[in-house]
Amino acid sequence: CLEALVPGLSAGLIRDVVVVDAGSTDQSRDLALDMGCRV
């Protein structure tokens, strides 16, 4: 999902991508931060 959205973020077509995490135990949060999203 983020791989599809990040180009629009980088191009200025999307203001921001906010990932709202409900206590994940995998690396969802870290991935979102690494890809430039707000968490």
PDB file of all heavy atoms in Angstrom:
ATOM      1  N   CYS A   1       0.828  -1.208   0.000  1.00  0.00           N
ATOM      2  CA  CYS A   1       0.000   0.000   0.000  1.00  0.00           C
ATOM      3  C   CYS A   1       0.862   1.257   0.000  1.00  0.00           C
ATOM      4  O   CYS A   1       0.658   2.175  -0.798  1.00  0.00           O
ATOM      5  CB  CYS A   1      -0.923  -0.033   1.211  1.00  0.00           C
ATOM      6  SG  CYS A   1      -1.978   1.418   1.367  1.00  0.00           S
ATOM      7  N   LEU A   2       1.838   1.300   0.890  1.00  0.00           N
ATOM      8  CA  LEU A   2       2.690   2.487   0.980  1.00  0.00           C
ATOM      9  C   LEU A   2       3.559   2.658  -0.257  1.00  0.00           C
ATOM     10  O   LEU A   2       3.804   3.790  -0.691  1.00  0.00           O
ATOM     11  CB  LEU A   2       3.547   2.432   2.243  1.00  0.00           C
ATOM     12  CG  LEU A   2       2.775   2.499   3.555  1.00  0.00           C
ATOM     13  CD1 LEU A   2       3.739   2.449   4.734  1.00  0.00           C
ATOM     14  CD2 LEU A   2       1.892   3.729   3.626  1.00  0.00           C
ATOM     15  N   GLU A   3       4.010   1.562  -0.843  1.00  0.00           N
ATOM     16  CA  GLU A   3       4.791   1.656  -2.073  1.00  0.00           C
ATOM     17  C   GLU A   3       3.981   2.313  -3.179  1.00  0.00           C
ATOM     18  O   GLU A   3       4.521   3.023  -4.025  1.00  0.00           O
ATOM     19  CB  GLU A   3       5.279   0.277  -2.511  1.00  0.00           C
ATOM     20  CG  GLU A   3       6.408  -0.242  -1.664  1.00  0.00           C
ATOM     21  CD  GLU A   3       6.790  -1.675  -1.983  1.00  0.00           C
ATOM     22  OE1 GLU A   3       6.279  -2.250  -2.966  1.00  0.00           O
ATOM     23  OE2 GLU A   3       7.612  -2.226  -1.233  1.00  0.00           O
ATOM     24  N   ALA A   4       2.673   2.114  -3.181  1.00  0.00           N
ATOM     25  CA  ALA A   4       1.807   2.745  -4.179  1.00  0.00           C
ATOM     26  C   ALA A   4       1.556   4.219  -3.866  1.00  0.00           C
ATOM     27  O   ALA A   4       1.363   5.023  -4.782  1.00  0.00           O
ATOM     28  CB  ALA A   4       0.481   1.994  -4.262  1.00  0.00           C
ATOM     29  N   LEU A   5       1.564   4.590  -2.589  1.00  0.00           N
ATOM     30  CA  LEU A   5       1.238   5.958  -2.195  1.00  0.00           C
ATOM     31  C   LEU A   5       2.428   6.904  -2.116  1.00  0.00           C
ATOM     32  O   LEU A   5       2.290   8.109  -2.370  1.00  0.00           O
ATOM     33  CB  LEU A   5       0.538   5.954  -0.834  1.00  0.00           C
ATOM     34  CG  LEU A   5      -0.834   5.306  -0.805  1.00  0.00           C
ATOM     35  CD1 LEU A   5      -1.327   5.206   0.631  1.00  0.00           C
ATOM     36  CD2 LEU A   5      -1.812   6.086  -1.665  1.00  0.00           C
ATOM     37  N   VAL A   6       3.588   6.404  -1.764  1.00  0.00           N
ATOM     38  CA  VAL A   6       4.745   7.265  -1.528  1.00  0.00           C
ATOM     39  C   VAL A   6       5.141   8.095  -2.758  1.00  0.00           C
ATOM     40  O   VAL A   6       5.501   9.258  -2.610  1.00  0.00           O
ATOM     41  CB  VAL A   6       5.927   6.451  -0.960  1.00  0.00           C
ATOM     42  CG1 VAL A   6       7.221   7.223  -1.010  1.00  0.00           C
ATOM     43  CG2 VAL A   6       5.612   6.068   0.486  1.00  0.00           C
ATOM     44  N   PRO A   7       5.046   7.580  -3.981  1.00  0.00           N
ATOM     45  CA  PRO A   7       5.360   8.447  -5.123  1.00  0.00           C
ATOM     46  C   PRO A   7       4.462   9.691  -5.186  1.00  0.00           C
ATOM     47  O   PRO A   7       4.935  10.776  -5.511  1.00  0.00           O
ATOM     48  CB  PRO A   7       5.146   7.535  -6.335  1.00  0.00           C
ATOM     49  CG  PRO A   7       5.415   6.166  -5.813  1.00  0.00           C
ATOM     50  CD  PRO A   7       4.865   6.189  -4.409  1.00  0.00           C
ATOM     51  N   GLY A   8       3.197   9.550  -4.857  1.00  0.00           N
ATOM     52  CA  GLY A   8       2.290  10.705  -4.825  1.00  0.00           C
ATOM     53  C   GLY A   8       2.655  11.675  -3.723  1.00  0.00           C
ATOM     54  O   GLY A   8       2.537  12.888  -3.875  1.00  0.00           O
ATOM     55  N   LEU A   9       3.141  11.149  -2.622  1.00  0.00           N
ATOM     56  CA  LEU A   9       3.605  11.974  -1.510  1.00  0.00           C
ATOM     57  C   LEU A   9       4.849  12.754  -1.931  1.00  0.00           C
ATOM     58  O   LEU A   9       4.932  13.969  -1.742  1.00  0.00           O
ATOM     59  CB  LEU A   9       3.890  11.082  -0.301  1.00  0.00           C
ATOM     60  CG  LEU A   9       4.243  11.718   1.024  1.00  0.00           C
ATOM     61  CD1 LEU A   9       3.112  12.592   1.523  1.00  0.00           C
ATOM     62  CD2 LEU A   9       4.562  10.640   2.045  1.00  0.00           C
ATOM     63  N   SER A  10       5.779  12.067  -2.550  1.00  0.00           N
ATOM     64  CA  SER A  10       7.024  12.700  -3.002  1.00  0.00           C
ATOM     65  C   SER A  10       6.770  13.735  -4.090  1.00  0.00           C
ATOM     66  O   SER A  10       7.453  14.759  -4.154  1.00  0.00           O
ATOM     67  CB  SER A  10       7.991  11.641  -3.531  1.00  0.00           C
ATOM     68  OG  SER A  10       8.329  10.742  -2.509  1.00  0.00           O
ATOM     69  N   ALA A  11       5.787  13.485  -4.941  1.00  0.00           N
ATOM     70  CA  ALA A  11       5.475  14.397  -6.043  1.00  0.00           C
ATOM     71  C   ALA A  11       4.623  15.579  -5.603  1.00  0.00           C
ATOM     72  O   ALA A  11       4.349  16.475  -6.396  1.00  0.00           O
ATOM     73  CB  ALA A  11       4.759  13.623  -7.151  1.00  0.00           C
ATOM     74  N   GLY A  12       4.173  15.579  -4.347  1.00  0.00           N
ATOM     75  CA  GLY A  12       3.359  16.677  -3.856  1.00  0.00           C
ATOM     76  C   GLY A  12       1.885  16.557  -4.186  1.00  0.00           C
ATOM     77  O   GLY A  12       1.130  17.507  -4.044  1.00  0.00           O
ATOM     78  N   LEU A  13       1.443  15.389  -4.626  1.00  0.00           N
ATOM     79  CA  LEU A  13       0.033  15.180  -4.931  1.00  0.00           C
ATOM     80  C   LEU A  13      -0.771  14.826  -3.689  1.00  0.00           C
ATOM     81  O   LEU A  13      -1.983  14.993  -3.661  1.00  0.00           O
ATOM     82  CB  LEU A  13      -0.119  14.065  -5.969  1.00  0.00           C
ATOM     83  CG  LEU A  13       0.596  14.311  -7.297  1.00  0.00           C
ATOM     84  CD1 LEU A  13       0.534  13.064  -8.160  1.00  0.00           C
ATOM     85  CD2 LEU A  13      -0.005  15.510  -8.007  1.00  0.00           C
ATOM     86  N   ILE A  14      -0.087  14.313  -2.684  1.00  0.00           N
ATOM     87  CA  ILE A  14      -0.700  13.926  -1.412  1.00  0.00           C
ATOM     88  C   ILE A  14      -0.029  14.745  -0.317  1.00  0.00           C
ATOM     89  O   ILE A  14       1.193  14.846  -0.282  1.00  0.00           O
ATOM     90  CB  ILE A  14      -0.488  12.418  -1.143  1.00  0.00           C
ATOM     91  CG1 ILE A  14      -1.133  11.582  -2.242  1.00  0.00           C
ATOM     92  CG2 ILE A  14      -1.032  12.036   0.228  1.00  0.00           C
ATOM     93  CD1 ILE A  14      -0.777  10.108  -2.174  1.00  0.00           C
ATOM     94  N   ARG A  15      -0.830  15.363   0.546  1.00  0.00           N
ATOM     95  CA  ARG A  15      -0.269  16.172   1.637  1.00  0.00           C
ATOM     96  C   ARG A  15       0.481  15.310   2.627  1.00  0.00           C
ATOM     97  O   ARG A  15       1.601  15.591   2.997  1.00  0.00           O
ATOM     98  CB  ARG A  15      -1.375  16.934   2.347  1.00  0.00           C
ATOM     99  CG  ARG A  15      -0.839  17.777   3.496  1.00  0.00           C
ATOM    100  CD  ARG A  15      -1.881  18.512   4.297  1.00  0.00           C
ATOM    101  NE  ARG A  15      -3.215  18.347   3.782  1.00  0.00           N
ATOM    102  CZ  ARG A  15      -4.201  19.201   3.966  1.00  0.00           C
ATOM    103  NH1 ARG A  15      -3.994  20.287   4.653  1.00  0.00           N
ATOM    104  NH2 ARG A  15      -5.397  18.968   3.481  1.00  0.00           N
ATOM    105  N   ASP A  16      -0.170  14.243   3.119  1.00  0.00           N
ATOM    106  CA  ASP A  16       0.497  13.357   4.057  1.00  0.00           C
ATOM    107  C   ASP A  16      -0.216  12.019   4.121  1.00  0.00           C
ATOM    108  O   ASP A  16      -1.383  11.907   3.760  1.00  0.00           O
ATOM    109  CB  ASP A  16       0.638  13.961   5.458  1.00  0.00           C
ATOM    110  CG  ASP A  16      -0.657  14.450   6.068  1.00  0.00           C
ATOM    111  OD1 ASP A  16      -1.718  14.317   5.434  1.00  0.00           O
ATOM    112  OD2 ASP A  16      -0.614  14.964   7.187  1.00  0.00           O
ATOM    113  N   VAL A  17       0.543  11.025   4.555  1.00  0.00           N
ATOM    114  CA  VAL A  17       0.005   9.693   4.801  1.00  0.00           C
ATOM    115  C   VAL A  17       0.185   9.451   6.292  1.00  0.00           C
ATOM    116  O   VAL A  17       1.298   9.526   6.810  1.00  0.00           O
ATOM    117  CB  VAL A  17       0.736   8.613   3.974  1.00  0.00           C
ATOM    118  CG1 VAL A  17       0.205   7.228   4.319  1.00  0.00           C
ATOM    119  CG2 VAL A  17       0.605   8.887   2.478  1.00  0.00           C
ATOM    120  N   VAL A  18      -0.927   9.190   6.958  1.00  0.00           N
ATOM    121  CA  VAL A  18      -0.910   8.970   8.400  1.00  0.00           C
ATOM    122  C   VAL A  18      -1.281   7.512   8.664  1.00  0.00           C
ATOM    123  O   VAL A  18      -2.360   7.069   8.272  1.00  0.00           O
ATOM    124  CB  VAL A  18      -1.908   9.909   9.119  1.00  0.00           C
ATOM    125  CG1 VAL A  18      -1.868   9.680  10.622  1.00  0.00           C
ATOM    126  CG2 VAL A  18      -1.632  11.359   8.775  1.00  0.00           C
ATOM    127  N   VAL A  19      -0.381   6.800   9.294  1.00  0.00           N
ATOM    128  CA  VAL A  19      -0.643   5.415   9.662  1.00  0.00           C
ATOM    129  C   VAL A  19      -1.008   5.412  11.143  1.00  0.00           C
ATOM    130  O   VAL A  19      -0.237   5.873  11.987  1.00  0.00           O
ATOM    131  CB  VAL A  19       0.594   4.535   9.386  1.00  0.00           C
ATOM    132  CG1 VAL A  19       0.375   3.125   9.907  1.00  0.00           C
ATOM    133  CG2 VAL A  19       0.904   4.518   7.891  1.00  0.00           C
ATOM    134  N   VAL A  20      -2.203   4.930  11.442  1.00  0.00           N
ATOM    135  CA  VAL A  20      -2.684   4.864  12.826  1.00  0.00           C
ATOM    136  C   VAL A  20      -2.548   3.418  13.277  1.00  0.00           C
ATOM    137  O   VAL A  20      -3.250   2.533  12.799  1.00  0.00           O
ATOM    138  CB  VAL A  20      -4.150   5.340  12.919  1.00  0.00           C
ATOM    139  CG1 VAL A  20      -4.632   5.285  14.360  1.00  0.00           C
ATOM    140  CG2 VAL A  20      -4.289   6.740  12.347  1.00  0.00           C
ATOM    141  N   ASP A  21      -1.604   3.175  14.168  1.00  0.00           N
ATOM    142  CA  ASP A  21      -1.268   1.815  14.570  1.00  0.00           C
ATOM    143  C   ASP A  21      -1.906   1.463  15.911  1.00  0.00           C
ATOM    144  O   ASP A  21      -1.806   2.206  16.878  1.00  0.00           O
ATOM    145  CB  ASP A  21       0.254   1.662  14.660  1.00  0.00           C
ATOM    146  CG  ASP A  21       0.636   0.232  14.915  1.00  0.00           C
ATOM    147  OD1 ASP A  21       0.449  -0.583  14.007  1.00  0.00           O
ATOM    148  OD2 ASP A  21       1.090  -0.063  16.033  1.00  0.00           O
ATOM    149  N   ALA A  22      -2.555   0.304  15.935  1.00  0.00           N
ATOM    150  CA  ALA A  22      -3.261  -0.152  17.130  1.00  0.00           C
ATOM    151  C   ALA A  22      -2.466  -1.209  17.883  1.00  0.00           C
ATOM    152  O   ALA A  22      -2.980  -2.261  18.243  1.00  0.00           O
ATOM    153  CB  ALA A  22      -4.628  -0.691  16.746  1.00  0.00           C
ATOM    154  N   GLY A  23      -1.191  -0.936  18.106  1.00  0.00           N
ATOM    155  CA  GLY A  23      -0.382  -1.831  18.912  1.00  0.00           C
ATOM    156  C   GLY A  23       0.191  -3.023  18.168  1.00  0.00           C
ATOM    157  O   GLY A  23       0.295  -4.114  18.727  1.00  0.00           O
ATOM    158  N   SER A  24       0.590  -2.820  16.929  1.00  0.00           N
ATOM    159  CA  SER A  24       1.171  -3.911  16.145  1.00  0.00           C
ATOM    160  C   SER A  24       2.408  -4.483  16.827  1.00  0.00           C
ATOM    161  O   SER A  24       3.163  -3.766  17.471  1.00  0.00           O
ATOM    162  CB  SER A  24       1.586  -3.401  14.761  1.00  0.00           C
ATOM    163  OG  SER A  24       0.461  -3.038  14.005  1.00  0.00           O
ATOM    164  N   THR A  25       2.592  -5.788  16.635  1.00  0.00           N
ATOM    165  CA  THR A  25       3.790  -6.441  17.146  1.00  0.00           C
ATOM    166  C   THR A  25       4.759  -6.786  16.015  1.00  0.00           C
ATOM    167  O   THR A  25       5.797  -7.380  16.257  1.00  0.00           O
ATOM    168  CB  THR A  25       3.423  -7.717  17.926  1.00  0.00           C
ATOM    169  OG1 THR A  25       2.670  -8.587  17.082  1.00  0.00           O
ATOM    170  CG2 THR A  25       2.620  -7.377  19.168  1.00  0.00           C
ATOM    171  N   ASP A  26       4.388  -6.431  14.780  1.00  0.00           N
ATOM    172  CA  ASP A  26       5.299  -6.615  13.653  1.00  0.00           C
ATOM    173  C   ASP A  26       5.997  -5.273  13.372  1.00  0.00           C
ATOM    174  O   ASP A  26       5.994  -4.389  14.212  1.00  0.00           O
ATOM    175  CB  ASP A  26       4.557  -7.147  12.420  1.00  0.00           C
ATOM    176  CG  ASP A  26       3.488  -6.197  11.904  1.00  0.00           C
ATOM    177  OD1 ASP A  26       3.370  -5.060  12.419  1.00  0.00           O
ATOM    178  OD2 ASP A  26       2.762  -6.586  10.973  1.00  0.00           O
ATOM    179  N   GLN A  27       6.569  -5.115  12.223  1.00  0.00           N
ATOM    180  CA  GLN A  27       7.315  -3.891  11.904  1.00  0.00           C
ATOM    181  C   GLN A  27       6.493  -2.866  11.132  1.00  0.00           C
ATOM    182  O   GLN A  27       7.048  -2.012  10.437  1.00  0.00           O
ATOM    183  CB  GLN A  27       8.576  -4.251  11.102  1.00  0.00           C
ATOM    184  CG  GLN A  27       9.635  -4.970  11.903  1.00  0.00           C
ATOM    185  CD  GLN A  27       9.304  -6.446  12.100  1.00  0.00           C
ATOM    186  OE1 GLN A  27       8.732  -7.089  11.241  1.00  0.00           O
ATOM    187  NE2 GLN A  27       9.646  -6.973  13.254  1.00  0.00           N
ATOM    188  N   SER A  28       5.180  -2.899  11.248  1.00  0.00           N
ATOM    189  CA  SER A  28       4.320  -1.951  10.520  1.00  0.00           C
ATOM    190  C   SER A  28       4.690  -0.505  10.831  1.00  0.00           C
ATOM    191  O   SER A  28       4.830   0.323   9.929  1.00  0.00           O
ATOM    192  CB  SER A  28       2.845  -2.175  10.887  1.00  0.00           C
ATOM    193  OG  SER A  28       2.409  -3.446  10.489  1.00  0.00           O
ATOM    194  N   ARG A  29       4.855  -0.201  12.090  1.00  0.00           N
ATOM    195  CA  ARG A  29       5.166   1.163  12.513  1.00  0.00           C
ATOM    196  C   ARG A  29       6.499   1.630  11.938  1.00  0.00           C
ATOM    197  O   ARG A  29       6.608   2.725  11.387  1.00  0.00           O
ATOM    198  CB  ARG A  29       5.191   1.224  14.044  1.00  0.00           C
ATOM    199  CG  ARG A  29       5.435   2.582  14.604  1.00  0.00           C
ATOM    200  CD  ARG A  29       5.505   2.519  16.137  1.00  0.00           C
ATOM    201  NE  ARG A  29       5.486   3.835  16.700  1.00  0.00           N
ATOM    202  CZ  ARG A  29       6.500   4.685  16.655  1.00  0.00           C
ATOM    203  NH1 ARG A  29       7.617   4.357  16.041  1.00  0.00           N
ATOM    204  NH2 ARG A  29       6.400   5.881  17.191  1.00  0.00           N
ATOM    205  N   ASP A  30       7.522   0.811  12.052  1.00  0.00           N
ATOM    206  CA  ASP A  30       8.846   1.173  11.552  1.00  0.00           C
ATOM    207  C   ASP A  30       8.844   1.362  10.039  1.00  0.00           C
ATOM    208  O   ASP A  30       9.478   2.281   9.521  1.00  0.00           O
ATOM    209  CB  ASP A  30       9.875   0.113  11.939  1.00  0.00           C
ATOM    210  CG  ASP A  30      10.074   0.020  13.441  1.00  0.00           C
ATOM    211  OD1 ASP A  30       9.857   1.046  14.135  1.00  0.00           O
ATOM    212  OD2 ASP A  30      10.430  -1.058  13.922  1.00  0.00           O
ATOM    213  N   LEU A  31       8.130   0.502   9.337  1.00  0.00           N
ATOM    214  CA  LEU A  31       8.031   0.622   7.884  1.00  0.00           C
ATOM    215  C   LEU A  31       7.424   1.964   7.501  1.00  0.00           C
ATOM    216  O   LEU A  31       7.941   2.666   6.631  1.00  0.00           O
ATOM    217  CB  LEU A  31       7.179  -0.514   7.307  1.00  0.00           C
ATOM    218  CG  LEU A  31       6.827  -0.361   5.834  1.00  0.00           C
ATOM    219  CD1 LEU A  31       8.061  -0.559   4.967  1.00  0.00           C
ATOM    220  CD2 LEU A  31       5.726  -1.324   5.440  1.00  0.00           C
ATOM    221  N   ALA A  32       6.331   2.326   8.157  1.00  0.00           N
ATOM    222  CA  ALA A  32       5.666   3.586   7.849  1.00  0.00           C
ATOM    223  C   ALA A  32       6.591   4.776   8.094  1.00  0.00           C
ATOM    224  O   ALA A  32       6.667   5.694   7.271  1.00  0.00           O
ATOM    225  CB  ALA A  32       4.389   3.720   8.675  1.00  0.00           C
ATOM    226  N   LEU A  33       7.294   4.764   9.194  1.00  0.00           N
ATOM    227  CA  LEU A  33       8.235   5.850   9.480  1.00  0.00           C
ATOM    228  C   LEU A  33       9.349   5.903   8.445  1.00  0.00           C
ATOM    229  O   LEU A  33       9.703   6.981   7.956  1.00  0.00           O
ATOM    230  CB  LEU A  33       8.821   5.689  10.881  1.00  0.00           C
ATOM    231  CG  LEU A  33       7.869   5.965  12.035  1.00  0.00           C
ATOM    232  CD1 LEU A  33       8.512   5.561  13.354  1.00  0.00           C
ATOM    233  CD2 LEU A  33       7.460   7.432  12.059  1.00  0.00           C
ATOM    234  N   ASP A  34       9.887   4.746   8.077  1.00  0.00           N
ATOM    235  CA  ASP A  34      10.967   4.687   7.082  1.00  0.00           C
ATOM    236  C   ASP A  34      10.524   5.216   5.725  1.00  0.00           C
ATOM    237  O   ASP A  34      11.337   5.733   4.963  1.00  0.00           O
ATOM    238  CB  ASP A  34      11.487   3.257   6.925  1.00  0.00           C
ATOM    239  CG  ASP A  34      12.272   2.773   8.136  1.00  0.00           C
ATOM    240  OD1 ASP A  34      12.653   3.622   8.981  1.00  0.00           O
ATOM    241  OD2 ASP A  34      12.489   1.558   8.245  1.00  0.00           O
ATOM    242  N   MET A  35       9.231   5.094   5.420  1.00  0.00           N
ATOM    243  CA  MET A  35       8.726   5.524   4.122  1.00  0.00           C
ATOM    244  C   MET A  35       8.216   6.967   4.147  1.00  0.00           C
ATOM    245  O   MET A  35       7.627   7.435   3.186  1.00  0.00           O
ATOM    246  CB  MET A  35       7.668   4.562   3.624  1.00  0.00           C
ATOM    247  CG  MET A  35       8.260   3.184   3.358  1.00  0.00           C
ATOM    248  SD  MET A  35       7.145   2.050   2.547  1.00  0.00           S
ATOM    249  CE  MET A  35       7.312   2.573   0.848  1.00  0.00           C
ATOM    250  N   GLY A  36       8.444   7.659   5.244  1.00  0.00           N
ATOM    251  CA  GLY A  36       8.101   9.072   5.313  1.00  0.00           C
ATOM    252  C   GLY A  36       6.688   9.393   5.746  1.00  0.00           C
ATOM    253  O   GLY A  36       6.215  10.522   5.572  1.00  0.00           O
ATOM    254  N   CYS A  37       6.020   8.429   6.340  1.00  0.00           N
ATOM    255  CA  CYS A  37       4.649   8.645   6.806  1.00  0.00           C
ATOM    256  C   CYS A  37       4.657   9.124   8.253  1.00  0.00           C
ATOM    257  O   CYS A  37       5.606   8.880   8.989  1.00  0.00           O
ATOM    258  CB  CYS A  37       3.856   7.338   6.720  1.00  0.00           C
ATOM    259  SG  CYS A  37       3.816   6.641   5.067  1.00  0.00           S
ATOM    260  N   ARG A  38       3.569   9.775   8.641  1.00  0.00           N
ATOM    261  CA  ARG A  38       3.371  10.097  10.053  1.00  0.00           C
ATOM    262  C   ARG A  38       2.741   8.878  10.698  1.00  0.00           C
ATOM    263  O   ARG A  38       1.933   8.193  10.078  1.00  0.00           O
ATOM    264  CB  ARG A  38       2.434  11.301  10.193  1.00  0.00           C
ATOM    265  CG  ARG A  38       3.059  12.573   9.708  1.00  0.00           C
ATOM    266  CD  ARG A  38       2.134  13.769   9.797  1.00  0.00           C
ATOM    267  NE  ARG A  38       1.313  13.769  10.985  1.00  0.00           N
ATOM    268  CZ  ARG A  38       0.135  14.358  11.067  1.00  0.00           C
ATOM    269  NH1 ARG A  38      -0.365  15.012  10.044  1.00  0.00           N
ATOM    270  NH2 ARG A  38      -0.567  14.314  12.182  1.00  0.00           N
ATOM    271  N   VAL A  39       3.093   8.617  11.944  1.00  0.00           N
ATOM    272  CA  VAL A  39       2.531   7.453  12.653  1.00  0.00           C
ATOM    273  C   VAL A  39       1.917   7.937  13.958  1.00  0.00           C
ATOM    274  O   VAL A  39       2.534   8.672  14.722  1.00  0.00           O
ATOM    275  CB  VAL A  39       3.618   6.398  12.943  1.00  0.00           C
ATOM    276  CG1 VAL A  39       3.043   5.258  13.772  1.00  0.00           C
ATOM    277  CG2 VAL A  39       4.207   5.861  11.638  1.00  0.00           C
TER     278      VAL A  39
END
